[in-house]
Amino acid sequence: MKSLIIIPILNEIEHISNLINRIQMYYKNCHVLIVDGGSTDGSVNIIKDLMLQNPNIYLKIQELGSGFGQALKIGFEFAVLNNFDNVITMDGDGSHDPSYIEKFLSLSDNQYNHSDRH
């Protein structure tokens, strides 16, 4: 199954590199979409550097001031257009621990496999 993690950010230079690296270290098959809301702290440059190292990292820049909901909409549109099976959202400020991704993916796989039997 193809999984996408959507992470809206705004000025998360202190957290974003560590968060993406942790996700990629433990969940190598997961794709990560960063939706930037107009960061001015260099966060985008860090993401662009990480994108050069990993083709499963993507960046979308949203219209300035359009908000968190619009960032999620951009992320879900990206997921649909690129045929992702699972979508997880996380905050870019480090408040969401990537260790929970495993549980989400496991539950999703179980639900998907269960629904195939009927």
N, C-alpha and C. Protein backbone atom coordinates (compact mmCIF):
# COMPACT_ATOMS: atom_id res chain seq x y z
N MET A 1 0.84 -1.18 0.00
CA MET A 1 0.00 0.00 0.00
C MET A 1 0.88 1.24 0.00
N LYS A 2 0.44 2.24 -0.70
CA LYS A 2 1.18 3.48 -0.87
C LYS A 2 0.68 4.50 0.16
N SER A 3 1.58 4.98 1.01
CA SER A 3 1.18 5.86 2.12
C SER A 3 1.82 7.24 2.00
N LEU A 4 1.04 8.26 2.33
CA LEU A 4 1.49 9.65 2.31
C LEU A 4 1.27 10.27 3.68
N ILE A 5 2.27 11.00 4.13
CA ILE A 5 2.16 11.77 5.36
C ILE A 5 2.18 13.24 4.96
N ILE A 6 1.11 13.95 5.27
CA ILE A 6 0.98 15.37 4.96
C ILE A 6 1.38 16.17 6.19
N ILE A 7 2.31 17.11 6.01
CA ILE A 7 2.78 17.92 7.13
C ILE A 7 2.71 19.39 6.73
N PRO A 8 1.65 20.10 7.18
CA PRO A 8 1.61 21.54 6.97
C PRO A 8 2.63 22.22 7.89
N ILE A 9 3.33 23.21 7.37
CA ILE A 9 4.31 23.92 8.21
C ILE A 9 4.23 25.42 7.99
N LEU A 10 4.72 26.13 8.98
CA LEU A 10 4.96 27.57 8.90
C LEU A 10 6.08 27.86 9.90
N ASN A 11 7.24 28.15 9.36
CA ASN A 11 8.41 28.49 10.17
C ASN A 11 8.76 27.41 11.19
N GLU A 12 9.04 26.23 10.69
CA GLU A 12 9.37 25.09 11.55
C GLU A 12 10.82 24.65 11.41
N ILE A 13 11.73 25.59 11.20
CA ILE A 13 13.13 25.25 10.96
C ILE A 13 13.74 24.44 12.10
N GLU A 14 13.27 24.64 13.31
CA GLU A 14 13.82 23.94 14.47
C GLU A 14 13.41 22.47 14.52
N HIS A 15 12.31 22.11 13.86
CA HIS A 15 11.76 20.76 14.01
C HIS A 15 11.70 19.92 12.73
N ILE A 16 11.57 20.57 11.59
CA ILE A 16 11.18 19.84 10.39
C ILE A 16 12.22 18.83 9.92
N SER A 17 13.47 19.15 9.98
CA SER A 17 14.50 18.21 9.53
C SER A 17 14.49 16.94 10.37
N ASN A 18 14.45 17.10 11.67
CA ASN A 18 14.41 15.96 12.58
C ASN A 18 13.17 15.11 12.35
N LEU A 19 12.02 15.76 12.17
CA LEU A 19 10.77 15.04 11.95
C LEU A 19 10.82 14.22 10.66
N ILE A 20 11.24 14.83 9.58
CA ILE A 20 11.31 14.12 8.31
C ILE A 20 12.32 12.98 8.38
N ASN A 21 13.47 13.25 8.97
CA ASN A 21 14.49 12.20 9.09
C ASN A 21 13.99 11.02 9.91
N ARG A 22 13.27 11.27 10.99
CA ARG A 22 12.72 10.18 11.80
C ARG A 22 11.70 9.37 11.00
N ILE A 23 10.86 10.05 10.27
CA ILE A 23 9.87 9.34 9.45
C ILE A 23 10.58 8.48 8.42
N GLN A 24 11.54 9.04 7.73
CA GLN A 24 12.22 8.30 6.67
C GLN A 24 13.09 7.18 7.22
N MET A 25 13.60 7.32 8.42
CA MET A 25 14.43 6.28 9.02
C MET A 25 13.60 5.04 9.35
N TYR A 26 12.42 5.25 9.89
CA TYR A 26 11.61 4.13 10.35
C TYR A 26 10.53 3.67 9.36
N TYR A 27 10.17 4.53 8.46
CA TYR A 27 9.09 4.22 7.51
C TYR A 27 9.55 4.56 6.10
N LYS A 28 10.52 3.80 5.63
CA LYS A 28 11.18 4.08 4.35
C LYS A 28 10.22 4.09 3.17
N ASN A 29 9.12 3.37 3.25
CA ASN A 29 8.18 3.31 2.15
C ASN A 29 7.14 4.42 2.18
N CYS A 30 7.13 5.21 3.24
CA CYS A 30 6.18 6.32 3.32
C CYS A 30 6.70 7.51 2.52
N HIS A 31 5.77 8.18 1.89
CA HIS A 31 6.07 9.43 1.20
C HIS A 31 5.67 10.57 2.12
N VAL A 32 6.38 11.69 2.02
CA VAL A 32 6.11 12.83 2.88
C VAL A 32 5.87 14.06 2.00
N LEU A 33 4.74 14.71 2.23
CA LEU A 33 4.42 15.96 1.55
C LEU A 33 4.42 17.08 2.57
N ILE A 34 5.29 18.03 2.36
CA ILE A 34 5.32 19.23 3.19
C ILE A 34 4.53 20.30 2.46
N VAL A 35 3.58 20.91 3.15
CA VAL A 35 2.83 22.03 2.58
C VAL A 35 3.22 23.26 3.39
N ASP A 36 3.97 24.14 2.74
CA ASP A 36 4.49 25.32 3.44
C ASP A 36 3.55 26.50 3.27
N GLY A 37 3.25 27.15 4.38
CA GLY A 37 2.33 28.27 4.39
C GLY A 37 2.99 29.63 4.32
N GLY A 38 4.23 29.67 3.83
CA GLY A 38 4.92 30.96 3.70
C GLY A 38 6.04 31.16 4.69
N SER A 39 6.75 30.11 5.01
CA SER A 39 7.84 30.19 5.98
C SER A 39 8.89 31.20 5.53
N THR A 40 9.40 31.94 6.50
CA THR A 40 10.45 32.93 6.24
C THR A 40 11.74 32.60 6.99
N ASP A 41 11.78 31.44 7.62
CA ASP A 41 12.92 31.09 8.48
C ASP A 41 13.91 30.13 7.83
N GLY A 42 13.73 29.80 6.57
CA GLY A 42 14.64 28.87 5.91
C GLY A 42 14.15 27.43 5.90
N SER A 43 12.97 27.16 6.43
CA SER A 43 12.42 25.80 6.45
C SER A 43 12.37 25.21 5.04
N VAL A 44 11.96 26.00 4.07
CA VAL A 44 11.82 25.51 2.70
C VAL A 44 13.17 25.06 2.14
N ASN A 45 14.22 25.77 2.46
CA ASN A 45 15.56 25.39 1.98
C ASN A 45 15.98 24.03 2.55
N ILE A 46 15.67 23.79 3.79
CA ILE A 46 15.97 22.49 4.41
C ILE A 46 15.20 21.39 3.70
N ILE A 47 13.94 21.63 3.44
CA ILE A 47 13.12 20.63 2.76
C ILE A 47 13.64 20.35 1.36
N LYS A 48 14.02 21.40 0.65
CA LYS A 48 14.57 21.21 -0.70
C LYS A 48 15.84 20.37 -0.66
N ASP A 49 16.68 20.59 0.34
CA ASP A 49 17.90 19.77 0.50
C ASP A 49 17.53 18.31 0.76
N LEU A 50 16.54 18.07 1.62
CA LEU A 50 16.11 16.71 1.91
C LEU A 50 15.50 16.04 0.68
N MET A 51 14.82 16.82 -0.15
CA MET A 51 14.23 16.29 -1.38
C MET A 51 15.30 15.78 -2.33
N LEU A 52 16.46 16.42 -2.34
CA LEU A 52 17.55 15.97 -3.20
C LEU A 52 18.09 14.61 -2.76
N GLN A 53 17.95 14.32 -1.48
CA GLN A 53 18.44 13.05 -0.93
C GLN A 53 17.39 11.95 -0.99
N ASN A 54 16.11 12.31 -1.12
CA ASN A 54 15.06 11.31 -1.05
C ASN A 54 13.90 11.67 -1.98
N PRO A 55 13.66 10.85 -3.00
CA PRO A 55 12.59 11.16 -3.95
C PRO A 55 11.18 10.99 -3.38
N ASN A 56 11.04 10.50 -2.15
CA ASN A 56 9.73 10.33 -1.53
C ASN A 56 9.32 11.54 -0.69
N ILE A 57 10.06 12.63 -0.81
CA ILE A 57 9.73 13.86 -0.10
C ILE A 57 9.30 14.89 -1.14
N TYR A 58 8.16 15.53 -0.88
CA TYR A 58 7.60 16.50 -1.82
C TYR A 58 7.31 17.80 -1.08
N LEU A 59 7.25 18.88 -1.83
CA LEU A 59 6.97 20.20 -1.26
C LEU A 59 5.94 20.91 -2.11
N LYS A 60 4.93 21.45 -1.46
CA LYS A 60 3.95 22.32 -2.10
C LYS A 60 3.95 23.63 -1.30
N ILE A 61 3.91 24.72 -2.02
CA ILE A 61 3.84 26.04 -1.39
C ILE A 61 2.41 26.53 -1.56
N GLN A 62 1.78 26.86 -0.44
CA GLN A 62 0.40 27.34 -0.52
C GLN A 62 0.38 28.86 -0.54
N GLU A 63 -0.74 29.39 -0.96
CA GLU A 63 -0.92 30.83 -0.99
C GLU A 63 -0.77 31.40 0.41
N LEU A 64 -0.02 32.46 0.51
CA LEU A 64 0.26 33.08 1.80
C LEU A 64 -1.04 33.45 2.53
N GLY A 65 -1.11 33.03 3.79
CA GLY A 65 -2.25 33.37 4.63
C GLY A 65 -3.50 32.54 4.40
N SER A 66 -3.41 31.47 3.62
CA SER A 66 -4.62 30.69 3.33
C SER A 66 -4.95 29.68 4.42
N GLY A 67 -4.04 29.43 5.35
CA GLY A 67 -4.37 28.69 6.55
C GLY A 67 -4.16 27.19 6.52
N PHE A 68 -4.34 26.60 7.70
CA PHE A 68 -4.11 25.17 7.94
C PHE A 68 -5.07 24.30 7.13
N GLY A 69 -6.34 24.67 7.10
CA GLY A 69 -7.32 23.88 6.36
C GLY A 69 -6.99 23.80 4.88
N GLN A 70 -6.55 24.91 4.31
CA GLN A 70 -6.17 24.93 2.90
C GLN A 70 -4.93 24.06 2.68
N ALA A 71 -4.01 24.05 3.64
CA ALA A 71 -2.82 23.19 3.53
C ALA A 71 -3.25 21.72 3.47
N LEU A 72 -4.19 21.34 4.31
CA LEU A 72 -4.68 19.96 4.28
C LEU A 72 -5.39 19.65 2.96
N LYS A 73 -6.16 20.60 2.46
CA LYS A 73 -6.84 20.40 1.18
C LYS A 73 -5.82 20.17 0.07
N ILE A 74 -4.77 20.96 0.04
CA ILE A 74 -3.70 20.78 -0.95
C ILE A 74 -3.10 19.38 -0.81
N GLY A 75 -2.87 18.96 0.42
CA GLY A 75 -2.29 17.65 0.67
C GLY A 75 -3.19 16.51 0.22
N PHE A 76 -4.47 16.61 0.52
CA PHE A 76 -5.40 15.54 0.13
C PHE A 76 -5.59 15.51 -1.39
N GLU A 77 -5.59 16.66 -2.02
CA GLU A 77 -5.67 16.68 -3.49
C GLU A 77 -4.45 15.99 -4.09
N PHE A 78 -3.28 16.26 -3.53
CA PHE A 78 -2.05 15.61 -3.98
C PHE A 78 -2.15 14.10 -3.80
N ALA A 79 -2.69 13.68 -2.66
CA ALA A 79 -2.84 12.25 -2.38
C ALA A 79 -3.76 11.57 -3.39
N VAL A 80 -4.86 12.20 -3.70
CA VAL A 80 -5.81 11.62 -4.66
C VAL A 80 -5.19 11.57 -6.06
N LEU A 81 -4.58 12.66 -6.48
CA LEU A 81 -3.98 12.72 -7.81
C LEU A 81 -2.85 11.72 -8.01
N ASN A 82 -2.20 11.35 -6.90
CA ASN A 82 -1.05 10.45 -6.98
C ASN A 82 -1.35 9.05 -6.46
N ASN A 83 -2.63 8.74 -6.31
CA ASN A 83 -3.09 7.40 -5.97
C ASN A 83 -2.52 6.81 -4.68
N PHE A 84 -2.48 7.62 -3.63
CA PHE A 84 -2.05 7.10 -2.34
C PHE A 84 -3.21 6.36 -1.68
N ASP A 85 -2.90 5.25 -1.04
CA ASP A 85 -3.91 4.44 -0.37
C ASP A 85 -4.19 4.93 1.05
N ASN A 86 -3.14 5.32 1.74
CA ASN A 86 -3.24 5.79 3.13
C ASN A 86 -2.76 7.23 3.20
N VAL A 87 -3.42 8.03 4.01
CA VAL A 87 -3.00 9.41 4.23
C VAL A 87 -3.02 9.67 5.73
N ILE A 88 -1.91 10.20 6.21
CA ILE A 88 -1.76 10.57 7.62
C ILE A 88 -1.39 12.04 7.65
N THR A 89 -1.94 12.80 8.58
CA THR A 89 -1.52 14.19 8.75
C THR A 89 -0.79 14.33 10.07
N MET A 90 0.21 15.20 10.05
CA MET A 90 0.99 15.48 11.25
C MET A 90 1.28 16.97 11.30
N ASP A 91 1.52 17.49 12.49
CA ASP A 91 1.99 18.87 12.62
C ASP A 91 3.50 18.88 12.46
N GLY A 92 4.01 19.96 11.92
CA GLY A 92 5.44 20.10 11.70
C GLY A 92 6.21 20.65 12.89
N ASP A 93 5.52 20.90 13.99
CA ASP A 93 6.17 21.53 15.14
C ASP A 93 6.76 20.54 16.14
N GLY A 94 6.73 19.25 15.79
CA GLY A 94 7.29 18.25 16.70
C GLY A 94 6.31 17.75 17.74
N SER A 95 5.07 18.23 17.71
CA SER A 95 4.10 17.82 18.71
C SER A 95 3.50 16.44 18.43
N HIS A 96 3.66 15.94 17.21
CA HIS A 96 3.18 14.60 16.87
C HIS A 96 4.37 13.67 16.73
N ASP A 97 4.36 12.63 17.51
CA ASP A 97 5.46 11.67 17.52
C ASP A 97 5.31 10.69 16.36
N PRO A 98 6.32 10.59 15.50
CA PRO A 98 6.25 9.66 14.37
C PRO A 98 6.11 8.19 14.77
N SER A 99 6.35 7.86 16.02
CA SER A 99 6.22 6.46 16.44
C SER A 99 4.78 5.95 16.28
N TYR A 100 3.80 6.85 16.23
CA TYR A 100 2.41 6.45 16.08
C TYR A 100 2.07 6.05 14.64
N ILE A 101 2.92 6.38 13.71
CA ILE A 101 2.65 6.06 12.30
C ILE A 101 2.47 4.56 12.13
N GLU A 102 3.31 3.79 12.79
CA GLU A 102 3.23 2.33 12.67
C GLU A 102 1.84 1.82 13.04
N LYS A 103 1.29 2.33 14.12
CA LYS A 103 -0.05 1.91 14.56
C LYS A 103 -1.11 2.29 13.54
N PHE A 104 -1.04 3.50 13.02
CA PHE A 104 -1.99 3.93 12.00
C PHE A 104 -1.93 3.04 10.76
N LEU A 105 -0.70 2.76 10.31
CA LEU A 105 -0.54 1.93 9.11
C LEU A 105 -1.02 0.51 9.36
N SER A 106 -0.74 0.00 10.54
CA SER A 106 -1.17 -1.35 10.89
C SER A 106 -2.69 -1.44 10.90
N LEU A 107 -3.34 -0.48 11.53
CA LEU A 107 -4.80 -0.47 11.58
C LEU A 107 -5.39 -0.32 10.18
N SER A 108 -4.77 0.50 9.39
CA SER A 108 -5.25 0.69 8.02
C SER A 108 -5.11 -0.59 7.21
N ASP A 109 -3.96 -1.25 7.32
CA ASP A 109 -3.76 -2.51 6.61
C ASP A 109 -4.76 -3.56 7.05
N ASN A 110 -5.01 -3.65 8.35
CA ASN A 110 -5.99 -4.61 8.86
C ASN A 110 -7.38 -4.31 8.33
N GLN A 111 -7.76 -3.05 8.31
CA GLN A 111 -9.08 -2.67 7.80
C GLN A 111 -9.17 -2.98 6.32
N TYR A 112 -8.13 -2.68 5.56
CA TYR A 112 -8.11 -2.91 4.13
C TYR A 112 -8.20 -4.42 3.84
N ASN A 113 -7.42 -5.19 4.55
CA ASN A 113 -7.43 -6.64 4.35
C ASN A 113 -8.77 -7.25 4.76
N HIS A 114 -9.33 -6.74 5.83
CA HIS A 114 -10.62 -7.24 6.30
C HIS A 114 -11.72 -6.95 5.28
N SER A 115 -11.72 -5.76 4.72
CA SER A 115 -12.78 -5.39 3.77
C SER A 115 -12.65 -6.18 2.46
N ASP A 116 -11.47 -6.65 2.13
CA ASP A 116 -11.27 -7.45 0.92
C ASP A 116 -11.93 -8.81 1.02
N ARG A 117 -12.14 -9.31 2.21
CA ARG A 117 -12.67 -10.65 2.41
C ARG A 117 -14.17 -10.73 2.15
N HIS A 118 -14.84 -9.60 2.12
CA HIS A 118 -16.30 -9.60 1.97
C HIS A 118 -16.70 -9.33 0.56
